[in-house]
């Protein structure tokens, strides 16, 4: 029983599987928008239309310092209004 040889075989098989998977992905992967995913933008509309969300935030712009500042200001105003209403 040669333990080192057995481990080498195991790692060789694992590497071979990984290389084959990478080659398969490289040849057959596509960056095209699929038909079934074309209406997926509506999935996030309820989040973007939420009154607590900044209007400047979208999937394209991402968060930046100005957006975070706007969100912070809006949250502070809402908290202040809520505390005054009680």
PDB file of N, CA and C in Angstrom:
ATOM      1  N   UNK A   1       0.850  -1.173   0.000  1.00  0.00           N
ATOM      2  CA  UNK A   1       0.000   0.000   0.000  1.00  0.00           C
ATOM      3  C   UNK A   1       0.896   1.236   0.000  1.00  0.00           C
ATOM      4  N   UNK A   2       0.849   1.963  -1.087  1.00  0.00           N
ATOM      5  CA  UNK A   2       1.660   3.158  -1.235  1.00  0.00           C
ATOM      6  C   UNK A   2       0.760   4.379  -1.090  1.00  0.00           C
ATOM      7  N   UNK A   3       0.745   4.951   0.102  1.00  0.00           N
ATOM      8  CA  UNK A   3      -0.176   6.032   0.427  1.00  0.00           C
ATOM      9  C   UNK A   3       0.098   7.288  -0.392  1.00  0.00           C
ATOM     10  N   UNK A   4       1.360   7.617  -0.592  1.00  0.00           N
ATOM     11  CA  UNK A   4       1.704   8.817  -1.343  1.00  0.00           C
ATOM     12  C   UNK A   4       1.218   8.714  -2.792  1.00  0.00           C
ATOM     13  N   UNK A   5       1.399   7.552  -3.413  1.00  0.00           N
ATOM     14  CA  UNK A   5       0.954   7.353  -4.787  1.00  0.00           C
ATOM     15  C   UNK A   5      -0.567   7.472  -4.891  1.00  0.00           C
ATOM     16  N   UNK A   6      -1.285   6.944  -3.916  1.00  0.00           N
ATOM     17  CA  UNK A   6      -2.747   7.017  -3.916  1.00  0.00           C
ATOM     18  C   UNK A   6      -3.235   8.461  -3.809  1.00  0.00           C
ATOM     19  N   UNK A   7      -2.584   9.232  -2.946  1.00  0.00           N
ATOM     20  CA  UNK A   7      -2.951  10.648  -2.826  1.00  0.00           C
ATOM     21  C   UNK A   7      -2.621  11.394  -4.118  1.00  0.00           C
ATOM     22  N   UNK A   8      -1.515  11.098  -4.737  1.00  0.00           N
ATOM     23  CA  UNK A   8      -1.166  11.728  -6.014  1.00  0.00           C
ATOM     24  C   UNK A   8      -2.222  11.423  -7.073  1.00  0.00           C
ATOM     25  N   UNK A   9      -2.695  10.190  -7.113  1.00  0.00           N
ATOM     26  CA  UNK A   9      -3.742   9.836  -8.069  1.00  0.00           C
ATOM     27  C   UNK A   9      -5.027  10.620  -7.791  1.00  0.00           C
ATOM     28  N   UNK A  10      -5.372  10.742  -6.531  1.00  0.00           N
ATOM     29  CA  UNK A  10      -6.574  11.474  -6.154  1.00  0.00           C
ATOM     30  C   UNK A  10      -6.486  12.935  -6.598  1.00  0.00           C
ATOM     31  N   UNK A  11      -5.340  13.577  -6.316  1.00  0.00           N
ATOM     32  CA  UNK A  11      -5.182  14.975  -6.703  1.00  0.00           C
ATOM     33  C   UNK A  11      -5.110  15.132  -8.218  1.00  0.00           C
ATOM     34  N   UNK A  12      -4.509  14.190  -8.906  1.00  0.00           N
ATOM     35  CA  UNK A  12      -4.436  14.248 -10.365  1.00  0.00           C
ATOM     36  C   UNK A  12      -5.832  14.158 -10.973  1.00  0.00           C
ATOM     37  N   UNK A  13      -6.655  13.277 -10.465  1.00  0.00           N
ATOM     38  CA  UNK A  13      -8.033  13.158 -10.950  1.00  0.00           C
ATOM     39  C   UNK A  13      -8.813  14.439 -10.660  1.00  0.00           C
ATOM     40  N   UNK A  14      -8.638  15.003  -9.474  1.00  0.00           N
ATOM     41  CA  UNK A  14      -9.329  16.247  -9.117  1.00  0.00           C
ATOM     42  C   UNK A  14      -8.915  17.390 -10.040  1.00  0.00           C
ATOM     43  N   UNK A  15      -7.629  17.513 -10.307  1.00  0.00           N
ATOM     44  CA  UNK A  15      -7.132  18.565 -11.200  1.00  0.00           C
ATOM     45  C   UNK A  15      -7.681  18.364 -12.603  1.00  0.00           C
ATOM     46  N   UNK A  16      -7.709  17.128 -13.068  1.00  0.00           N
ATOM     47  CA  UNK A  16      -8.239  16.829 -14.392  1.00  0.00           C
ATOM     48  C   UNK A  16      -9.711  17.233 -14.500  1.00  0.00           C
ATOM     49  N   UNK A  17     -10.494  16.930 -13.490  1.00  0.00           N
ATOM     50  CA  UNK A  17     -11.911  17.306 -13.479  1.00  0.00           C
ATOM     51  C   UNK A  17     -12.051  18.825 -13.522  1.00  0.00           C
ATOM     52  N   UNK A  18     -11.262  19.542 -12.737  1.00  0.00           N
ATOM     53  CA  UNK A  18     -11.320  21.011 -12.724  1.00  0.00           C
ATOM     54  C   UNK A  18     -10.927  21.598 -14.080  1.00  0.00           C
ATOM     55  N   UNK A  19      -9.874  21.072 -14.682  1.00  0.00           N
ATOM     56  CA  UNK A  19      -9.429  21.567 -15.988  1.00  0.00           C
ATOM     57  C   UNK A  19     -10.500  21.316 -17.047  1.00  0.00           C
ATOM     58  N   UNK A  20     -11.104  20.156 -17.033  1.00  0.00           N
ATOM     59  CA  UNK A  20     -12.174  19.858 -17.988  1.00  0.00           C
ATOM     60  C   UNK A  20     -13.377  20.779 -17.778  1.00  0.00           C
ATOM     61  N   UNK A  21     -13.714  21.050 -16.535  1.00  0.00           N
ATOM     62  CA  UNK A  21     -14.830  21.955 -16.251  1.00  0.00           C
ATOM     63  C   UNK A  21     -14.518  23.370 -16.743  1.00  0.00           C
ATOM     64  N   UNK A  22     -13.304  23.832 -16.534  1.00  0.00           N
ATOM     65  CA  UNK A  22     -12.909  25.169 -17.009  1.00  0.00           C
ATOM     66  C   UNK A  22     -12.943  25.223 -18.535  1.00  0.00           C
ATOM     67  N   UNK A  23     -12.464  24.182 -19.189  1.00  0.00           N
ATOM     68  CA  UNK A  23     -12.489  24.153 -20.654  1.00  0.00           C
ATOM     69  C   UNK A  23     -13.930  24.148 -21.172  1.00  0.00           C
ATOM     70  N   UNK A  24     -14.794  23.365 -20.557  1.00  0.00           N
ATOM     71  CA  UNK A  24     -16.205  23.321 -20.951  1.00  0.00           C
ATOM     72  C   UNK A  24     -16.826  24.703 -20.797  1.00  0.00           C
ATOM     73  N   UNK A  25     -16.589  25.348 -19.656  1.00  0.00           N
ATOM     74  CA  UNK A  25     -17.138  26.678 -19.404  1.00  0.00           C
ATOM     75  C   UNK A  25     -16.596  27.686 -20.415  1.00  0.00           C
ATOM     76  N   UNK A  26     -15.294  27.620 -20.708  1.00  0.00           N
ATOM     77  CA  UNK A  26     -14.675  28.559 -21.635  1.00  0.00           C
ATOM     78  C   UNK A  26     -15.281  28.446 -23.037  1.00  0.00           C
ATOM     79  N   UNK A  27     -15.533  27.236 -23.485  1.00  0.00           N
ATOM     80  CA  UNK A  27     -16.043  27.047 -24.842  1.00  0.00           C
ATOM     81  C   UNK A  27     -17.543  27.293 -24.969  1.00  0.00           C
ATOM     82  N   UNK A  28     -18.310  26.993 -23.940  1.00  0.00           N
ATOM     83  CA  UNK A  28     -19.761  27.042 -24.072  1.00  0.00           C
ATOM     84  C   UNK A  28     -20.441  28.180 -23.311  1.00  0.00           C
ATOM     85  N   UNK A  29     -19.723  28.935 -22.518  1.00  0.00           N
ATOM     86  CA  UNK A  29     -20.346  30.035 -21.781  1.00  0.00           C
ATOM     87  C   UNK A  29     -20.618  31.195 -22.732  1.00  0.00           C
ATOM     88  N   UNK A  30     -21.712  31.895 -22.487  1.00  0.00           N
ATOM     89  CA  UNK A  30     -22.067  33.058 -23.299  1.00  0.00           C
ATOM     90  C   UNK A  30     -22.540  34.170 -22.375  1.00  0.00           C
ATOM     91  N   UNK A  31     -22.265  35.399 -22.768  1.00  0.00           N
ATOM     92  CA  UNK A  31     -22.683  36.539 -21.968  1.00  0.00           C
ATOM     93  C   UNK A  31     -23.930  37.200 -22.508  1.00  0.00           C
ATOM     94  N   UNK A  32     -24.708  36.467 -23.268  1.00  0.00           N
ATOM     95  CA  UNK A  32     -25.913  37.018 -23.873  1.00  0.00           C
ATOM     96  C   UNK A  32     -27.079  36.945 -22.884  1.00  0.00           C
ATOM     97  N   UNK A  33     -27.922  37.973 -22.934  1.00  0.00           N
ATOM     98  CA  UNK A  33     -29.115  37.980 -22.101  1.00  0.00           C
ATOM     99  C   UNK A  33     -30.089  36.943 -22.646  1.00  0.00           C
ATOM    100  N   UNK A  34     -30.524  36.064 -21.789  1.00  0.00           N
ATOM    101  CA  UNK A  34     -31.437  35.005 -22.196  1.00  0.00           C
ATOM    102  C   UNK A  34     -32.867  35.528 -22.234  1.00  0.00           C
ATOM    103  N   UNK A  35     -33.692  34.907 -23.051  1.00  0.00           N
ATOM    104  CA  UNK A  35     -35.082  35.346 -23.214  1.00  0.00           C
ATOM    105  C   UNK A  35     -35.825  35.280 -21.891  1.00  0.00           C
ATOM    106  N   UNK A  36     -35.588  34.224 -21.123  1.00  0.00           N
ATOM    107  CA  UNK A  36     -36.311  34.055 -19.866  1.00  0.00           C
ATOM    108  C   UNK A  36     -35.902  35.075 -18.814  1.00  0.00           C
ATOM    109  N   UNK A  37     -34.776  35.755 -19.008  1.00  0.00           N
ATOM    110  CA  UNK A  37     -34.308  36.736 -18.027  1.00  0.00           C
ATOM    111  C   UNK A  37     -34.560  38.172 -18.467  1.00  0.00           C
ATOM    112  N   UNK A  38     -35.180  38.384 -19.615  1.00  0.00           N
ATOM    113  CA  UNK A  38     -35.327  39.740 -20.148  1.00  0.00           C
ATOM    114  C   UNK A  38     -36.254  40.602 -19.314  1.00  0.00           C
ATOM    115  N   UNK A  39     -37.218  40.032 -18.605  1.00  0.00           N
ATOM    116  CA  UNK A  39     -38.138  40.825 -17.786  1.00  0.00           C
ATOM    117  C   UNK A  39     -37.753  40.833 -16.319  1.00  0.00           C
ATOM    118  N   UNK A  40     -36.538  40.410 -15.998  1.00  0.00           N
ATOM    119  CA  UNK A  40     -36.143  40.303 -14.599  1.00  0.00           C
ATOM    120  C   UNK A  40     -35.904  41.653 -13.946  1.00  0.00           C
ATOM    121  N   UNK A  41     -35.841  42.752 -14.730  1.00  0.00           N
ATOM    122  CA  UNK A  41     -35.644  44.077 -14.134  1.00  0.00           C
ATOM    123  C   UNK A  41     -36.831  44.458 -13.261  1.00  0.00           C
ATOM    124  N   UNK A  42     -38.028  43.953 -13.591  1.00  0.00           N
ATOM    125  CA  UNK A  42     -39.215  44.249 -12.796  1.00  0.00           C
ATOM    126  C   UNK A  42     -39.130  43.650 -11.403  1.00  0.00           C
ATOM    127  N   UNK A  43     -38.277  42.680 -11.242  1.00  0.00           N
ATOM    128  CA  UNK A  43     -38.130  42.003  -9.958  1.00  0.00           C
ATOM    129  C   UNK A  43     -37.670  42.973  -8.867  1.00  0.00           C
ATOM    130  N   UNK A  44     -36.905  44.007  -9.241  1.00  0.00           N
ATOM    131  CA  UNK A  44     -36.347  44.927  -8.261  1.00  0.00           C
ATOM    132  C   UNK A  44     -37.092  46.261  -8.190  1.00  0.00           C
ATOM    133  N   UNK A  45     -38.158  46.435  -8.976  1.00  0.00           N
ATOM    134  CA  UNK A  45     -38.870  47.700  -8.985  1.00  0.00           C
ATOM    135  C   UNK A  45     -39.441  48.054  -7.616  1.00  0.00           C
ATOM    136  N   UNK A  46     -39.961  47.090  -6.874  1.00  0.00           N
ATOM    137  CA  UNK A  46     -40.524  47.394  -5.563  1.00  0.00           C
ATOM    138  C   UNK A  46     -39.451  47.905  -4.607  1.00  0.00           C
ATOM    139  N   UNK A  47     -38.222  47.479  -4.788  1.00  0.00           N
ATOM    140  CA  UNK A  47     -37.134  47.962  -3.937  1.00  0.00           C
ATOM    141  C   UNK A  47     -36.759  49.381  -4.332  1.00  0.00           C
ATOM    142  N   UNK A  48     -36.661  49.640  -5.632  1.00  0.00           N
ATOM    143  CA  UNK A  48     -36.269  50.968  -6.104  1.00  0.00           C
ATOM    144  C   UNK A  48     -37.369  51.994  -5.886  1.00  0.00           C
ATOM    145  N   UNK A  49     -38.631  51.560  -5.851  1.00  0.00           N
ATOM    146  CA  UNK A  49     -39.745  52.480  -5.641  1.00  0.00           C
ATOM    147  C   UNK A  49     -40.071  52.671  -4.161  1.00  0.00           C
ATOM    148  N   UNK A  50     -39.364  51.995  -3.293  1.00  0.00           N
ATOM    149  CA  UNK A  50     -39.576  52.121  -1.858  1.00  0.00           C
ATOM    150  C   UNK A  50     -39.267  53.551  -1.441  1.00  0.00           C
ATOM    151  N   UNK A  51     -40.146  54.210  -0.673  1.00  0.00           N
ATOM    152  CA  UNK A  51     -39.903  55.615  -0.321  1.00  0.00           C
ATOM    153  C   UNK A  51     -38.645  55.834   0.508  1.00  0.00           C
ATOM    154  N   UNK A  52     -38.161  54.791   1.168  1.00  0.00           N
ATOM    155  CA  UNK A  52     -36.958  54.963   1.978  1.00  0.00           C
ATOM    156  C   UNK A  52     -35.696  54.886   1.124  1.00  0.00           C
ATOM    157  N   UNK A  53     -35.828  54.372  -0.111  1.00  0.00           N
ATOM    158  CA  UNK A  53     -34.684  54.271  -1.015  1.00  0.00           C
ATOM    159  C   UNK A  53     -34.433  55.602  -1.696  1.00  0.00           C
ATOM    160  N   UNK A  54     -33.184  55.875  -1.958  1.00  0.00           N
ATOM    161  CA  UNK A  54     -32.831  57.092  -2.676  1.00  0.00           C
ATOM    162  C   UNK A  54     -33.181  56.937  -4.139  1.00  0.00           C
ATOM    163  N   UNK A  55     -33.648  58.020  -4.763  1.00  0.00           N
ATOM    164  CA  UNK A  55     -33.974  57.960  -6.184  1.00  0.00           C
ATOM    165  C   UNK A  55     -32.711  57.856  -7.023  1.00  0.00           C
ATOM    166  N   UNK A  56     -31.578  58.204  -6.450  1.00  0.00           N
ATOM    167  CA  UNK A  56     -30.325  58.164  -7.195  1.00  0.00           C
ATOM    168  C   UNK A  56     -29.735  56.766  -7.263  1.00  0.00           C
ATOM    169  N   UNK A  57     -30.265  55.840  -6.487  1.00  0.00           N
ATOM    170  CA  UNK A  57     -29.704  54.493  -6.450  1.00  0.00           C
ATOM    171  C   UNK A  57     -30.368  53.647  -7.516  1.00  0.00           C
ATOM    172  N   UNK A  58     -29.579  53.029  -8.324  1.00  0.00           N
ATOM    173  CA  UNK A  58     -30.077  52.077  -9.306  1.00  0.00           C
ATOM    174  C   UNK A  58     -29.026  50.991  -9.437  1.00  0.00           C
ATOM    175  N   UNK A  59     -29.336  49.963 -10.195  1.00  0.00           N
ATOM    176  CA  UNK A  59     -28.370  48.880 -10.367  1.00  0.00           C
ATOM    177  C   UNK A  59     -27.127  49.376 -11.092  1.00  0.00           C
ATOM    178  N   UNK A  60     -27.282  50.408 -11.931  1.00  0.00           N
ATOM    179  CA  UNK A  60     -26.143  50.894 -12.701  1.00  0.00           C
ATOM    180  C   UNK A  60     -25.239  51.802 -11.875  1.00  0.00           C
ATOM    181  N   UNK A  61     -25.811  52.658 -11.050  1.00  0.00           N
ATOM    182  CA  UNK A  61     -24.988  53.644 -10.348  1.00  0.00           C
ATOM    183  C   UNK A  61     -24.321  53.070  -9.108  1.00  0.00           C
ATOM    184  N   UNK A  62     -24.978  52.143  -8.436  1.00  0.00           N
ATOM    185  CA  UNK A  62     -24.416  51.593  -7.210  1.00  0.00           C
ATOM    186  C   UNK A  62     -24.393  52.622  -6.105  1.00  0.00           C
ATOM    187  N   UNK A  63     -23.905  52.236  -4.962  1.00  0.00           N
ATOM    188  CA  UNK A  63     -23.798  53.165  -3.843  1.00  0.00           C
ATOM    189  C   UNK A  63     -22.505  53.951  -3.957  1.00  0.00           C
ATOM    190  N   UNK A  64     -22.605  55.239  -3.690  1.00  0.00           N
ATOM    191  CA  UNK A  64     -21.414  56.062  -3.578  1.00  0.00           C
ATOM    192  C   UNK A  64     -21.619  56.993  -2.393  1.00  0.00           C
ATOM    193  N   UNK A  65     -20.674  57.865  -2.118  1.00  0.00           N
ATOM    194  CA  UNK A  65     -20.769  58.711  -0.921  1.00  0.00           C
ATOM    195  C   UNK A  65     -21.989  59.616  -0.964  1.00  0.00           C
ATOM    196  N   UNK A  66     -22.322  60.166  -2.136  1.00  0.00           N
ATOM    197  CA  UNK A  66     -23.480  61.055  -2.238  1.00  0.00           C
ATOM    198  C   UNK A  66     -24.777  60.297  -1.956  1.00  0.00           C
ATOM    199  N   UNK A  67     -24.916  59.095  -2.541  1.00  0.00           N
ATOM    200  CA  UNK A  67     -26.125  58.309  -2.317  1.00  0.00           C
ATOM    201  C   UNK A  67     -26.268  57.914  -0.850  1.00  0.00           C
ATOM    202  N   UNK A  68     -25.175  57.536  -0.222  1.00  0.00           N
ATOM    203  CA  UNK A  68     -25.225  57.162   1.192  1.00  0.00           C
ATOM    204  C   UNK A  68     -25.605  58.368   2.035  1.00  0.00           C
ATOM    205  N   UNK A  69     -25.052  59.531   1.687  1.00  0.00           N
ATOM    206  CA  UNK A  69     -25.417  60.762   2.404  1.00  0.00           C
ATOM    207  C   UNK A  69     -26.884  61.088   2.232  1.00  0.00           C
ATOM    208  N   UNK A  70     -27.411  60.942   1.013  1.00  0.00           N
ATOM    209  CA  UNK A  70     -28.833  61.195   0.766  1.00  0.00           C
ATOM    210  C   UNK A  70     -29.707  60.239   1.570  1.00  0.00           C
ATOM    211  N   UNK A  71     -29.333  58.968   1.586  1.00  0.00           N
ATOM    212  CA  UNK A  71     -30.093  57.982   2.354  1.00  0.00           C
ATOM    213  C   UNK A  71     -30.069  58.302   3.844  1.00  0.00           C
ATOM    214  N   UNK A  72     -28.902  58.671   4.328  1.00  0.00           N
ATOM    215  CA  UNK A  72     -28.771  59.012   5.748  1.00  0.00           C
ATOM    216  C   UNK A  72     -29.637  60.205   6.094  1.00  0.00           C
ATOM    217  N   UNK A  73     -29.616  61.237   5.254  1.00  0.00           N
ATOM    218  CA  UNK A  73     -30.435  62.426   5.502  1.00  0.00           C
ATOM    219  C   UNK A  73     -31.916  62.084   5.494  1.00  0.00           C
ATOM    220  N   UNK A  74     -32.339  61.277   4.524  1.00  0.00           N
ATOM    221  CA  UNK A  74     -33.756  60.918   4.441  1.00  0.00           C
ATOM    222  C   UNK A  74     -34.182  60.083   5.649  1.00  0.00           C
ATOM    223  N   UNK A  75     -33.321  59.178   6.083  1.00  0.00           N
ATOM    224  CA  UNK A  75     -33.649  58.357   7.250  1.00  0.00           C
ATOM    225  C   UNK A  75     -33.741  59.212   8.510  1.00  0.00           C
ATOM    226  N   UNK A  76     -32.837  60.167   8.660  1.00  0.00           N
ATOM    227  CA  UNK A  76     -32.882  61.040   9.829  1.00  0.00           C
ATOM    228  C   UNK A  76     -34.162  61.864   9.852  1.00  0.00           C
ATOM    229  N   UNK A  77     -34.589  62.365   8.695  1.00  0.00           N
ATOM    230  CA  UNK A  77     -35.832  63.137   8.617  1.00  0.00           C
ATOM    231  C   UNK A  77     -37.019  62.254   8.959  1.00  0.00           C
ATOM    232  N   UNK A  78     -37.040  61.034   8.423  1.00  0.00           N
ATOM    233  CA  UNK A  78     -38.152  60.133   8.709  1.00  0.00           C
ATOM    234  C   UNK A  78     -38.198  59.751  10.185  1.00  0.00           C
ATOM    235  N   UNK A  79     -37.053  59.500  10.783  1.00  0.00           N
ATOM    236  CA  UNK A  79     -37.014  59.168  12.212  1.00  0.00           C
ATOM    237  C   UNK A  79     -37.471  60.355  13.040  1.00  0.00           C
ATOM    238  N   UNK A  80     -37.025  61.539  12.667  1.00  0.00           N
ATOM    239  CA  UNK A  80     -37.420  62.752  13.395  1.00  0.00           C
ATOM    240  C   UNK A  80     -38.915  62.973  13.275  1.00  0.00           C
ATOM    241  N   UNK A  81     -39.497  62.814  12.058  1.00  0.00           N
ATOM    242  CA  UNK A  81     -40.920  62.981  11.864  1.00  0.00           C
ATOM    243  C   UNK A  81     -41.721  61.931  12.652  1.00  0.00           C
ATOM    244  N   UNK A  82     -41.213  60.708  12.669  1.00  0.00           N
ATOM    245  CA  UNK A  82     -41.902  59.646  13.389  1.00  0.00           C
ATOM    246  C   UNK A  82     -41.891  59.911  14.895  1.00  0.00           C
ATOM    247  N   UNK A  83     -40.752  60.377  15.420  1.00  0.00           N
ATOM    248  CA  UNK A  83     -40.665  60.680  16.850  1.00  0.00           C
ATOM    249  C   UNK A  83     -41.562  61.858  17.228  1.00  0.00           C
ATOM    250  N   UNK A  84     -41.673  62.840  16.350  1.00  0.00           N
ATOM    251  CA  UNK A  84     -42.548  63.998  16.637  1.00  0.00           C
ATOM    252  C   UNK A  84     -44.012  63.641  16.536  1.00  0.00           C
ATOM    253  N   UNK A  85     -44.343  62.653  15.721  1.00  0.00           N
ATOM    254  CA  UNK A  85     -45.748  62.243  15.559  1.00  0.00           C
ATOM    255  C   UNK A  85     -46.226  61.490  16.793  1.00  0.00           C
ATOM    256  N   UNK A  86     -45.307  60.879  17.517  1.00  0.00           N
ATOM    257  CA  UNK A  86     -45.706  60.080  18.698  1.00  0.00           C
ATOM    258  C   UNK A  86     -45.870  60.934  19.863  1.00  0.00           C
TER     259      UNK A  86
END
